[in-house]
Amino acid sequence: METSGNFFEKVYKVAKQIPFGRVTSYGAIARYLGTAKSARMVGWAMNASHNNADIPAHRVVNRNGLLTGKFHFDGTNLMQQLLESEGIVIKENQIQNFQAVFWDPFKELL
């Protein structure tokens, strides 16, 4: 079994590939890594990455496009502001037109 540090590094490698103006989900990253039931671990990795500006943690949301990780960002609305600065529309903590901006690592990285 992998150590969490090694797993986190794999998560970060995928997250760094998410294009500007696109988002993915914790579960999509977990599935890409072959650990479909570890979406929560992907969330933990994203929470641990906030001091690293190279990792676009704001582009990783839940499977319904909800900004469930927003409380882990500095400021009250930083996650939303970062996404909106990339042209993503958000209403009531949910990405609008989620399927249009969803980035699937399986389709993009294989």
PDB file of N, CA and C in Angstrom:
ATOM      1  N   MET A   1       0.835  -1.179   0.000  1.00  0.00           N
ATOM      2  CA  MET A   1       0.000   0.000   0.000  1.00  0.00           C
ATOM      3  C   MET A   1       0.883   1.246   0.000  1.00  0.00           C
ATOM      4  N   GLU A   2       0.438   2.289  -0.711  1.00  0.00           N
ATOM      5  CA  GLU A   2       1.224   3.505  -0.811  1.00  0.00           C
ATOM      6  C   GLU A   2       1.147   4.320   0.476  1.00  0.00           C
ATOM      7  N   THR A   3       2.192   5.106   0.731  1.00  0.00           N
ATOM      8  CA  THR A   3       2.121   6.033   1.851  1.00  0.00           C
ATOM      9  C   THR A   3       1.291   7.226   1.429  1.00  0.00           C
ATOM     10  N   SER A   4       0.716   7.934   2.387  1.00  0.00           N
ATOM     11  CA  SER A   4      -0.117   9.082   2.040  1.00  0.00           C
ATOM     12  C   SER A   4       0.704  10.146   1.332  1.00  0.00           C
ATOM     13  N   GLY A   5       1.979  10.319   1.696  1.00  0.00           N
ATOM     14  CA  GLY A   5       2.827  11.304   1.022  1.00  0.00           C
ATOM     15  C   GLY A   5       2.970  10.993  -0.453  1.00  0.00           C
ATOM     16  N   ASN A   6       3.202   9.736  -0.773  1.00  0.00           N
ATOM     17  CA  ASN A   6       3.319   9.308  -2.163  1.00  0.00           C
ATOM     18  C   ASN A   6       1.983   9.508  -2.882  1.00  0.00           C
ATOM     19  N   PHE A   7       0.897   9.158  -2.241  1.00  0.00           N
ATOM     20  CA  PHE A   7      -0.434   9.341  -2.822  1.00  0.00           C
ATOM     21  C   PHE A   7      -0.695  10.830  -3.055  1.00  0.00           C
ATOM     22  N   PHE A   8      -0.373  11.653  -2.064  1.00  0.00           N
ATOM     23  CA  PHE A   8      -0.583  13.097  -2.202  1.00  0.00           C
ATOM     24  C   PHE A   8       0.196  13.634  -3.402  1.00  0.00           C
ATOM     25  N   GLU A   9       1.422  13.190  -3.579  1.00  0.00           N
ATOM     26  CA  GLU A   9       2.225  13.657  -4.718  1.00  0.00           C
ATOM     27  C   GLU A   9       1.572  13.279  -6.044  1.00  0.00           C
ATOM     28  N   LYS A  10       1.001  12.084  -6.122  1.00  0.00           N
ATOM     29  CA  LYS A  10       0.297  11.669  -7.345  1.00  0.00           C
ATOM     30  C   LYS A  10      -0.928  12.544  -7.585  1.00  0.00           C
ATOM     31  N   VAL A  11      -1.653  12.865  -6.518  1.00  0.00           N
ATOM     32  CA  VAL A  11      -2.811  13.755  -6.620  1.00  0.00           C
ATOM     33  C   VAL A  11      -2.361  15.113  -7.140  1.00  0.00           C
ATOM     34  N   TYR A  12      -1.274  15.631  -6.591  1.00  0.00           N
ATOM     35  CA  TYR A  12      -0.789  16.950  -6.994  1.00  0.00           C
ATOM     36  C   TYR A  12      -0.353  16.961  -8.458  1.00  0.00           C
ATOM     37  N   LYS A  13       0.230  15.881  -8.898  1.00  0.00           N
ATOM     38  CA  LYS A  13       0.662  15.792 -10.301  1.00  0.00           C
ATOM     39  C   LYS A  13      -0.548  15.905 -11.233  1.00  0.00           C
ATOM     40  N   VAL A  14      -1.641  15.250 -10.884  1.00  0.00           N
ATOM     41  CA  VAL A  14      -2.873  15.346 -11.692  1.00  0.00           C
ATOM     42  C   VAL A  14      -3.456  16.749 -11.577  1.00  0.00           C
ATOM     43  N   ALA A  15      -3.550  17.271 -10.373  1.00  0.00           N
ATOM     44  CA  ALA A  15      -4.160  18.595 -10.167  1.00  0.00           C
ATOM     45  C   ALA A  15      -3.433  19.672 -10.959  1.00  0.00           C
ATOM     46  N   LYS A  16      -2.132  19.559 -11.066  1.00  0.00           N
ATOM     47  CA  LYS A  16      -1.354  20.551 -11.814  1.00  0.00           C
ATOM     48  C   LYS A  16      -1.689  20.550 -13.302  1.00  0.00           C
ATOM     49  N   GLN A  17      -2.324  19.491 -13.771  1.00  0.00           N
ATOM     50  CA  GLN A  17      -2.680  19.379 -15.192  1.00  0.00           C
ATOM     51  C   GLN A  17      -4.045  19.985 -15.525  1.00  0.00           C
ATOM     52  N   ILE A  18      -4.827  20.335 -14.511  1.00  0.00           N
ATOM     53  CA  ILE A  18      -6.162  20.884 -14.752  1.00  0.00           C
ATOM     54  C   ILE A  18      -5.994  22.238 -15.432  1.00  0.00           C
ATOM     55  N   PRO A  19      -6.565  22.401 -16.614  1.00  0.00           N
ATOM     56  CA  PRO A  19      -6.375  23.660 -17.343  1.00  0.00           C
ATOM     57  C   PRO A  19      -7.088  24.849 -16.697  1.00  0.00           C
ATOM     58  N   PHE A  20      -6.570  26.016 -16.943  1.00  0.00           N
ATOM     59  CA  PHE A  20      -7.188  27.278 -16.537  1.00  0.00           C
ATOM     60  C   PHE A  20      -8.627  27.297 -17.050  1.00  0.00           C
ATOM     61  N   GLY A  21      -9.557  27.677 -16.187  1.00  0.00           N
ATOM     62  CA  GLY A  21     -10.960  27.762 -16.595  1.00  0.00           C
ATOM     63  C   GLY A  21     -11.707  26.446 -16.595  1.00  0.00           C
ATOM     64  N   ARG A  22     -11.099  25.407 -16.045  1.00  0.00           N
ATOM     65  CA  ARG A  22     -11.735  24.093 -15.963  1.00  0.00           C
ATOM     66  C   ARG A  22     -11.659  23.601 -14.530  1.00  0.00           C
ATOM     67  N   VAL A  23     -12.492  22.625 -14.190  1.00  0.00           N
ATOM     68  CA  VAL A  23     -12.483  22.020 -12.858  1.00  0.00           C
ATOM     69  C   VAL A  23     -12.605  20.515 -12.990  1.00  0.00           C
ATOM     70  N   THR A  24     -12.242  19.822 -11.932  1.00  0.00           N
ATOM     71  CA  THR A  24     -12.465  18.380 -11.862  1.00  0.00           C
ATOM     72  C   THR A  24     -12.964  18.062 -10.461  1.00  0.00           C
ATOM     73  N   SER A  25     -13.215  16.795 -10.202  1.00  0.00           N
ATOM     74  CA  SER A  25     -13.738  16.404  -8.890  1.00  0.00           C
ATOM     75  C   SER A  25     -12.721  15.537  -8.149  1.00  0.00           C
ATOM     76  N   TYR A  26     -12.932  15.458  -6.851  1.00  0.00           N
ATOM     77  CA  TYR A  26     -12.084  14.598  -6.027  1.00  0.00           C
ATOM     78  C   TYR A  26     -12.159  13.159  -6.543  1.00  0.00           C
ATOM     79  N   GLY A  27     -13.373  12.722  -6.850  1.00  0.00           N
ATOM     80  CA  GLY A  27     -13.577  11.351  -7.320  1.00  0.00           C
ATOM     81  C   GLY A  27     -12.941  11.083  -8.668  1.00  0.00           C
ATOM     82  N   ALA A  28     -12.956  12.068  -9.564  1.00  0.00           N
ATOM     83  CA  ALA A  28     -12.342  11.882 -10.885  1.00  0.00           C
ATOM     84  C   ALA A  28     -10.838  11.683 -10.747  1.00  0.00           C
ATOM     85  N   ILE A  29     -10.223  12.429  -9.854  1.00  0.00           N
ATOM     86  CA  ILE A  29      -8.784  12.244  -9.621  1.00  0.00           C
ATOM     87  C   ILE A  29      -8.532  10.875  -9.007  1.00  0.00           C
ATOM     88  N   ALA A  30      -9.344  10.480  -8.034  1.00  0.00           N
ATOM     89  CA  ALA A  30      -9.182   9.167  -7.397  1.00  0.00           C
ATOM     90  C   ALA A  30      -9.323   8.047  -8.427  1.00  0.00           C
ATOM     91  N   ARG A  31     -10.340   8.135  -9.283  1.00  0.00           N
ATOM     92  CA  ARG A  31     -10.527   7.105 -10.317  1.00  0.00           C
ATOM     93  C   ARG A  31      -9.334   7.052 -11.266  1.00  0.00           C
ATOM     94  N   TYR A  32      -8.842   8.214 -11.668  1.00  0.00           N
ATOM     95  CA  TYR A  32      -7.685   8.254 -12.567  1.00  0.00           C
ATOM     96  C   TYR A  32      -6.473   7.558 -11.939  1.00  0.00           C
ATOM     97  N   LEU A  33      -6.323   7.718 -10.644  1.00  0.00           N
ATOM     98  CA  LEU A  33      -5.187   7.112  -9.948  1.00  0.00           C
ATOM     99  C   LEU A  33      -5.413   5.634  -9.626  1.00  0.00           C
ATOM    100  N   GLY A  34      -6.584   5.110  -9.991  1.00  0.00           N
ATOM    101  CA  GLY A  34      -6.873   3.701  -9.749  1.00  0.00           C
ATOM    102  C   GLY A  34      -7.310   3.409  -8.336  1.00  0.00           C
ATOM    103  N   THR A  35      -7.738   4.444  -7.631  1.00  0.00           N
ATOM    104  CA  THR A  35      -8.180   4.298  -6.243  1.00  0.00           C
ATOM    105  C   THR A  35      -9.556   4.935  -6.094  1.00  0.00           C
ATOM    106  N   ALA A  36     -10.518   4.407  -6.812  1.00  0.00           N
ATOM    107  CA  ALA A  36     -11.839   5.027  -6.933  1.00  0.00           C
ATOM    108  C   ALA A  36     -12.514   5.343  -5.608  1.00  0.00           C
ATOM    109  N   LYS A  37     -12.207   4.600  -4.581  1.00  0.00           N
ATOM    110  CA  LYS A  37     -12.881   4.830  -3.297  1.00  0.00           C
ATOM    111  C   LYS A  37     -12.118   5.792  -2.390  1.00  0.00           C
ATOM    112  N   SER A  38     -11.150   6.491  -2.944  1.00  0.00           N
ATOM    113  CA  SER A  38     -10.328   7.362  -2.102  1.00  0.00           C
ATOM    114  C   SER A  38     -10.534   8.856  -2.394  1.00  0.00           C
ATOM    115  N   ALA A  39     -11.747   9.225  -2.813  1.00  0.00           N
ATOM    116  CA  ALA A  39     -12.033  10.641  -3.080  1.00  0.00           C
ATOM    117  C   ALA A  39     -11.773  11.497  -1.842  1.00  0.00           C
ATOM    118  N   ARG A  40     -12.088  10.968  -0.684  1.00  0.00           N
ATOM    119  CA  ARG A  40     -11.857  11.729   0.555  1.00  0.00           C
ATOM    120  C   ARG A  40     -10.365  11.976   0.775  1.00  0.00           C
ATOM    121  N   MET A  41      -9.537  11.000   0.439  1.00  0.00           N
ATOM    122  CA  MET A  41      -8.082  11.190   0.552  1.00  0.00           C
ATOM    123  C   MET A  41      -7.608  12.271  -0.415  1.00  0.00           C
ATOM    124  N   VAL A  42      -8.217  12.331  -1.596  1.00  0.00           N
ATOM    125  CA  VAL A  42      -7.885  13.398  -2.546  1.00  0.00           C
ATOM    126  C   VAL A  42      -8.228  14.748  -1.909  1.00  0.00           C
ATOM    127  N   GLY A  43      -9.360  14.811  -1.232  1.00  0.00           N
ATOM    128  CA  GLY A  43      -9.736  16.028  -0.517  1.00  0.00           C
ATOM    129  C   GLY A  43      -8.712  16.406   0.536  1.00  0.00           C
ATOM    130  N   TRP A  44      -8.233  15.419   1.275  1.00  0.00           N
ATOM    131  CA  TRP A  44      -7.206  15.690   2.289  1.00  0.00           C
ATOM    132  C   TRP A  44      -5.937  16.229   1.628  1.00  0.00           C
ATOM    133  N   ALA A  45      -5.586  15.642   0.479  1.00  0.00           N
ATOM    134  CA  ALA A  45      -4.403  16.123  -0.248  1.00  0.00           C
ATOM    135  C   ALA A  45      -4.598  17.577  -0.676  1.00  0.00           C
ATOM    136  N   MET A  46      -5.781  17.897  -1.167  1.00  0.00           N
ATOM    137  CA  MET A  46      -6.045  19.278  -1.572  1.00  0.00           C
ATOM    138  C   MET A  46      -5.966  20.217  -0.379  1.00  0.00           C
ATOM    139  N   ASN A  47      -6.512  19.805   0.763  1.00  0.00           N
ATOM    140  CA  ASN A  47      -6.452  20.632   1.968  1.00  0.00           C
ATOM    141  C   ASN A  47      -5.012  20.870   2.411  1.00  0.00           C
ATOM    142  N   ALA A  48      -4.163  19.870   2.228  1.00  0.00           N
ATOM    143  CA  ALA A  48      -2.765  19.981   2.640  1.00  0.00           C
ATOM    144  C   ALA A  48      -1.928  20.791   1.652  1.00  0.00           C
ATOM    145  N   SER A  49      -2.482  21.138   0.507  1.00  0.00           N
ATOM    146  CA  SER A  49      -1.707  21.792  -0.551  1.00  0.00           C
ATOM    147  C   SER A  49      -1.819  23.309  -0.564  1.00  0.00           C
ATOM    148  N   HIS A  50      -2.588  23.889   0.316  1.00  0.00           N
ATOM    149  CA  HIS A  50      -2.889  25.316   0.221  1.00  0.00           C
ATOM    150  C   HIS A  50      -1.684  26.235   0.378  1.00  0.00           C
ATOM    151  N   ASN A  51      -0.594  25.753   0.927  1.00  0.00           N
ATOM    152  CA  ASN A  51       0.610  26.579   1.033  1.00  0.00           C
ATOM    153  C   ASN A  51       1.480  26.479  -0.212  1.00  0.00           C
ATOM    154  N   ASN A  52       1.060  25.679  -1.182  1.00  0.00           N
ATOM    155  CA  ASN A  52       1.822  25.502  -2.413  1.00  0.00           C
ATOM    156  C   ASN A  52       1.050  26.132  -3.568  1.00  0.00           C
ATOM    157  N   ALA A  53       1.511  27.288  -4.025  1.00  0.00           N
ATOM    158  CA  ALA A  53       0.818  28.027  -5.079  1.00  0.00           C
ATOM    159  C   ALA A  53       0.838  27.301  -6.419  1.00  0.00           C
ATOM    160  N   ASP A  54       1.708  26.294  -6.571  1.00  0.00           N
ATOM    161  CA  ASP A  54       1.788  25.553  -7.836  1.00  0.00           C
ATOM    162  C   ASP A  54       0.637  24.565  -8.016  1.00  0.00           C
ATOM    163  N   ILE A  55      -0.107  24.304  -6.954  1.00  0.00           N
ATOM    164  CA  ILE A  55      -1.187  23.324  -7.011  1.00  0.00           C
ATOM    165  C   ILE A  55      -2.521  24.073  -7.014  1.00  0.00           C
ATOM    166  N   PRO A  56      -3.272  23.982  -8.115  1.00  0.00           N
ATOM    167  CA  PRO A  56      -4.542  24.719  -8.217  1.00  0.00           C
ATOM    168  C   PRO A  56      -5.687  24.001  -7.511  1.00  0.00           C
ATOM    169  N   ALA A  57      -5.612  23.948  -6.193  1.00  0.00           N
ATOM    170  CA  ALA A  57      -6.612  23.233  -5.398  1.00  0.00           C
ATOM    171  C   ALA A  57      -8.011  23.798  -5.599  1.00  0.00           C
ATOM    172  N   HIS A  58      -8.108  25.070  -5.967  1.00  0.00           N
ATOM    173  CA  HIS A  58      -9.422  25.684  -6.175  1.00  0.00           C
ATOM    174  C   HIS A  58     -10.170  25.060  -7.352  1.00  0.00           C
ATOM    175  N   ARG A  59      -9.473  24.351  -8.220  1.00  0.00           N
ATOM    176  CA  ARG A  59     -10.096  23.720  -9.392  1.00  0.00           C
ATOM    177  C   ARG A  59     -10.621  22.325  -9.108  1.00  0.00           C
ATOM    178  N   VAL A  60     -10.552  21.880  -7.855  1.00  0.00           N
ATOM    179  CA  VAL A  60     -11.046  20.551  -7.486  1.00  0.00           C
ATOM    180  C   VAL A  60     -12.253  20.736  -6.573  1.00  0.00           C
ATOM    181  N   VAL A  61     -13.388  20.208  -7.020  1.00  0.00           N
ATOM    182  CA  VAL A  61     -14.662  20.381  -6.322  1.00  0.00           C
ATOM    183  C   VAL A  61     -15.331  19.021  -6.133  1.00  0.00           C
ATOM    184  N   ASN A  62     -16.505  19.005  -5.527  1.00  0.00           N
ATOM    185  CA  ASN A  62     -17.166  17.709  -5.367  1.00  0.00           C
ATOM    186  C   ASN A  62     -17.867  17.297  -6.664  1.00  0.00           C
ATOM    187  N   ARG A  63     -18.419  16.107  -6.679  1.00  0.00           N
ATOM    188  CA  ARG A  63     -18.975  15.526  -7.913  1.00  0.00           C
ATOM    189  C   ARG A  63     -20.176  16.276  -8.462  1.00  0.00           C
ATOM    190  N   ASN A  64     -20.763  17.153  -7.646  1.00  0.00           N
ATOM    191  CA  ASN A  64     -21.909  17.943  -8.095  1.00  0.00           C
ATOM    192  C   ASN A  64     -21.532  19.384  -8.428  1.00  0.00           C
ATOM    193  N   GLY A  65     -20.242  19.681  -8.376  1.00  0.00           N
ATOM    194  CA  GLY A  65     -19.793  21.032  -8.662  1.00  0.00           C
ATOM    195  C   GLY A  65     -19.908  21.986  -7.500  1.00  0.00           C
ATOM    196  N   LEU A  66     -20.066  21.451  -6.294  1.00  0.00           N
ATOM    197  CA  LEU A  66     -20.149  22.290  -5.098  1.00  0.00           C
ATOM    198  C   LEU A  66     -18.756  22.621  -4.581  1.00  0.00           C
ATOM    199  N   LEU A  67     -18.594  23.829  -4.076  1.00  0.00           N
ATOM    200  CA  LEU A  67     -17.315  24.272  -3.530  1.00  0.00           C
ATOM    201  C   LEU A  67     -17.163  23.800  -2.088  1.00  0.00           C
ATOM    202  N   THR A  68     -17.131  22.501  -1.906  1.00  0.00           N
ATOM    203  CA  THR A  68     -17.088  21.932  -0.557  1.00  0.00           C
ATOM    204  C   THR A  68     -15.781  22.222   0.163  1.00  0.00           C
ATOM    205  N   GLY A  69     -14.715  22.521  -0.560  1.00  0.00           N
ATOM    206  CA  GLY A  69     -13.434  22.796   0.075  1.00  0.00           C
ATOM    207  C   GLY A  69     -13.186  24.259   0.360  1.00  0.00           C
ATOM    208  N   LYS A  70     -14.171  25.104   0.145  1.00  0.00           N
ATOM    209  CA  LYS A  70     -13.952  26.558   0.238  1.00  0.00           C
ATOM    210  C   LYS A  70     -13.522  27.021   1.620  1.00  0.00           C
ATOM    211  N   PHE A  71     -13.899  26.298   2.657  1.00  0.00           N
ATOM    212  CA  PHE A  71     -13.558  26.715   4.009  1.00  0.00           C
ATOM    213  C   PHE A  71     -12.079  26.520   4.330  1.00  0.00           C
ATOM    214  N   HIS A  72     -11.364  25.813   3.468  1.00  0.00           N
ATOM    215  CA  HIS A  72      -9.941  25.576   3.688  1.00  0.00           C
ATOM    216  C   HIS A  72      -9.068  26.629   3.022  1.00  0.00           C
ATOM    217  N   PHE A  73      -9.698  27.596   2.353  1.00  0.00           N
ATOM    218  CA  PHE A  73      -8.964  28.684   1.708  1.00  0.00           C
ATOM    219  C   PHE A  73      -8.972  29.902   2.617  1.00  0.00           C
ATOM    220  N   ASP A  74      -7.896  30.680   2.548  1.00  0.00           N
ATOM    221  CA  ASP A  74      -7.852  31.936   3.303  1.00  0.00           C
ATOM    222  C   ASP A  74      -8.929  32.868   2.777  1.00  0.00           C
ATOM    223  N   GLY A  75      -9.503  33.671   3.649  1.00  0.00           N
ATOM    224  CA  GLY A  75     -10.550  34.591   3.225  1.00  0.00           C
ATOM    225  C   GLY A  75     -11.885  33.881   3.123  1.00  0.00           C
ATOM    226  N   THR A  76     -12.945  34.642   3.084  1.00  0.00           N
ATOM    227  CA  THR A  76     -14.269  34.039   3.106  1.00  0.00           C
ATOM    228  C   THR A  76     -14.695  33.483   1.754  1.00  0.00           C
ATOM    229  N   ASN A  77     -14.194  34.041   0.678  1.00  0.00           N
ATOM    230  CA  ASN A  77     -14.657  33.623  -0.649  1.00  0.00           C
ATOM    231  C   ASN A  77     -13.525  33.394  -1.634  1.00  0.00           C
ATOM    232  N   LEU A  78     -12.326  33.097  -1.156  1.00  0.00           N
ATOM    233  CA  LEU A  78     -11.168  33.006  -2.040  1.00  0.00           C
ATOM    234  C   LEU A  78     -11.325  31.943  -3.121  1.00  0.00           C
ATOM    235  N   MET A  79     -11.827  30.768  -2.768  1.00  0.00           N
ATOM    236  CA  MET A  79     -11.982  29.700  -3.765  1.00  0.00           C
ATOM    237  C   MET A  79     -12.900  30.176  -4.891  1.00  0.00           C
ATOM    238  N   GLN A  80     -14.020  30.754  -4.522  1.00  0.00           N
ATOM    239  CA  GLN A  80     -14.968  31.250  -5.519  1.00  0.00           C
ATOM    240  C   GLN A  80     -14.339  32.360  -6.361  1.00  0.00           C
ATOM    241  N   GLN A  81     -13.619  33.267  -5.730  1.00  0.00           N
ATOM    242  CA  GLN A  81     -12.988  34.368  -6.453  1.00  0.00           C
ATOM    243  C   GLN A  81     -11.960  33.854  -7.460  1.00  0.00           C
ATOM    244  N   LEU A  82     -11.179  32.860  -7.060  1.00  0.00           N
ATOM    245  CA  LEU A  82     -10.187  32.285  -7.972  1.00  0.00           C
ATOM    246  C   LEU A  82     -10.865  31.650  -9.176  1.00  0.00           C
ATOM    247  N   LEU A  83     -11.930  30.901  -8.938  1.00  0.00           N
ATOM    248  CA  LEU A  83     -12.652  30.264 -10.037  1.00  0.00           C
ATOM    249  C   LEU A  83     -13.305  31.303 -10.937  1.00  0.00           C
ATOM    250  N   GLU A  84     -13.923  32.306 -10.352  1.00  0.00           N
ATOM    251  CA  GLU A  84     -14.567  33.352 -11.149  1.00  0.00           C
ATOM    252  C   GLU A  84     -13.556  34.134 -11.973  1.00  0.00           C
ATOM    253  N   SER A  85     -12.345  34.285 -11.456  1.00  0.00           N
ATOM    254  CA  SER A  85     -11.298  34.980 -12.218  1.00  0.00           C
ATOM    255  C   SER A  85     -10.882  34.182 -13.445  1.00  0.00           C
ATOM    256  N   GLU A  86     -11.238  32.893 -13.468  1.00  0.00           N
ATOM    257  CA  GLU A  86     -10.955  32.035 -14.611  1.00  0.00           C
ATOM    258  C   GLU A  86     -12.180  31.893 -15.521  1.00  0.00           C
ATOM    259  N   GLY A  87     -13.230  32.660 -15.220  1.00  0.00           N
ATOM    260  CA  GLY A  87     -14.423  32.655 -16.061  1.00  0.00           C
ATOM    261  C   GLY A  87     -15.490  31.650 -15.676  1.00  0.00           C
ATOM    262  N   ILE A  88     -15.329  30.999 -14.538  1.00  0.00           N
ATOM    263  CA  ILE A  88     -16.312  30.007 -14.092  1.00  0.00           C
ATOM    264  C   ILE A  88     -17.413  30.720 -13.313  1.00  0.00           C
ATOM    265  N   VAL A  89     -18.651  30.428 -13.657  1.00  0.00           N
ATOM    266  CA  VAL A  89     -19.805  31.063 -13.017  1.00  0.00           C
ATOM    267  C   VAL A  89     -20.252  30.213 -11.833  1.00  0.00           C
ATOM    268  N   ILE A  90     -20.420  30.878 -10.685  1.00  0.00           N
ATOM    269  CA  ILE A  90     -20.808  30.188  -9.464  1.00  0.00           C
ATOM    270  C   ILE A  90     -22.002  30.900  -8.850  1.00  0.00           C
ATOM    271  N   LYS A  91     -23.003  30.119  -8.472  1.00  0.00           N
ATOM    272  CA  LYS A  91     -24.165  30.642  -7.756  1.00  0.00           C
ATOM    273  C   LYS A  91     -24.420  29.749  -6.563  1.00  0.00           C
ATOM    274  N   GLU A  92     -24.530  30.370  -5.402  1.00  0.00           N
ATOM    275  CA  GLU A  92     -24.790  29.648  -4.157  1.00  0.00           C
ATOM    276  C   GLU A  92     -23.836  28.475  -3.955  1.00  0.00           C
ATOM    277  N   ASN A  93     -22.553  28.748  -4.118  1.00  0.00           N
ATOM    278  CA  ASN A  93     -21.471  27.771  -3.916  1.00  0.00           C
ATOM    279  C   ASN A  93     -21.478  26.613  -4.902  1.00  0.00           C
ATOM    280  N   GLN A  94     -22.163  26.760  -6.017  1.00  0.00           N
ATOM    281  CA  GLN A  94     -22.202  25.683  -7.013  1.00  0.00           C
ATOM    282  C   GLN A  94     -21.808  26.217  -8.383  1.00  0.00           C
ATOM    283  N   ILE A  95     -20.963  25.462  -9.058  1.00  0.00           N
ATOM    284  CA  ILE A  95     -20.535  25.830 -10.402  1.00  0.00           C
ATOM    285  C   ILE A  95     -21.702  25.644 -11.357  1.00  0.00           C
ATOM    286  N   GLN A  96     -21.976  26.679 -12.123  1.00  0.00           N
ATOM    287  CA  GLN A  96     -23.034  26.625 -13.125  1.00  0.00           C
ATOM    288  C   GLN A  96     -22.457  26.016 -14.403  1.00  0.00           C
ATOM    289  N   ASN A  97     -23.268  25.302 -15.130  1.00  0.00           N
ATOM    290  CA  ASN A  97     -22.833  24.658 -16.365  1.00  0.00           C
ATOM    291  C   ASN A  97     -21.624  23.744 -16.089  1.00  0.00           C
ATOM    292  N   PHE A  98     -21.739  22.991 -15.003  1.00  0.00           N
ATOM    293  CA  PHE A  98     -20.641  22.161 -14.497  1.00  0.00           C
ATOM    294  C   PHE A  98     -20.079  21.212 -15.556  1.00  0.00           C
ATOM    295  N   GLN A  99     -20.945  20.549 -16.302  1.00  0.00           N
ATOM    296  CA  GLN A  99     -20.458  19.586 -17.295  1.00  0.00           C
ATOM    297  C   GLN A  99     -19.623  20.247 -18.385  1.00  0.00           C
ATOM    298  N   ALA A 100     -19.930  21.499 -18.706  1.00  0.00           N
ATOM    299  CA  ALA A 100     -19.189  22.206 -19.754  1.00  0.00           C
ATOM    300  C   ALA A 100     -17.768  22.568 -19.319  1.00  0.00           C
ATOM    301  N   VAL A 101     -17.547  22.770 -18.022  1.00  0.00           N
ATOM    302  CA  VAL A 101     -16.215  23.143 -17.541  1.00  0.00           C
ATOM    303  C   VAL A 101     -15.499  21.976 -16.853  1.00  0.00           C
ATOM    304  N   PHE A 102     -16.172  20.826 -16.782  1.00  0.00           N
ATOM    305  CA  PHE A 102     -15.584  19.658 -16.118  1.00  0.00           C
ATOM    306  C   PHE A 102     -14.440  19.089 -16.967  1.00  0.00           C
ATOM    307  N   TRP A 103     -13.317  18.837 -16.323  1.00  0.00           N
ATOM    308  CA  TRP A 103     -12.135  18.258 -16.947  1.00  0.00           C
ATOM    309  C   TRP A 103     -11.963  16.855 -16.394  1.00  0.00           C
ATOM    310  N   ASP A 104     -12.009  15.861 -17.266  1.00  0.00           N
ATOM    311  CA  ASP A 104     -11.894  14.463 -16.852  1.00  0.00           C
ATOM    312  C   ASP A 104     -10.466  13.980 -17.130  1.00  0.00           C
ATOM    313  N   PRO A 105      -9.691  13.690 -16.087  1.00  0.00           N
ATOM    314  CA  PRO A 105      -8.306  13.253 -16.322  1.00  0.00           C
ATOM    315  C   PRO A 105      -8.216  12.000 -17.178  1.00  0.00           C
ATOM    316  N   PHE A 106      -9.218  11.124 -17.115  1.00  0.00           N
ATOM    317  CA  PHE A 106      -9.193   9.919 -17.947  1.00  0.00           C
ATOM    318  C   PHE A 106      -9.167  10.262 -19.424  1.00  0.00           C
ATOM    319  N   LYS A 107      -9.966  11.234 -19.814  1.00  0.00           N
ATOM    320  CA  LYS A 107     -10.059  11.621 -21.228  1.00  0.00           C
ATOM    321  C   LYS A 107      -8.875  12.483 -21.660  1.00  0.00           C
ATOM    322  N   GLU A 108      -8.331  13.251 -20.732  1.00  0.00           N
ATOM    323  CA  GLU A 108      -7.299  14.220 -21.084  1.00  0.00           C
ATOM    324  C   GLU A 108      -5.873  13.719 -20.900  1.00  0.00           C
ATOM    325  N   LEU A 109      -5.652  12.809 -19.975  1.00  0.00           N
ATOM    326  CA  LEU A 109      -4.291  12.409 -19.657  1.00  0.00           C
ATOM    327  C   LEU A 109      -3.896  11.017 -20.180  1.00  0.00           C
ATOM    328  N   LEU A 110      -4.802  10.302 -20.775  1.00  0.00           N
ATOM    329  CA  LEU A 110      -4.441   8.954 -21.267  1.00  0.00           C
ATOM    330  C   LEU A 110      -3.854   8.981 -22.634  1.00  0.00           C
TER     331      LEU A 110
END
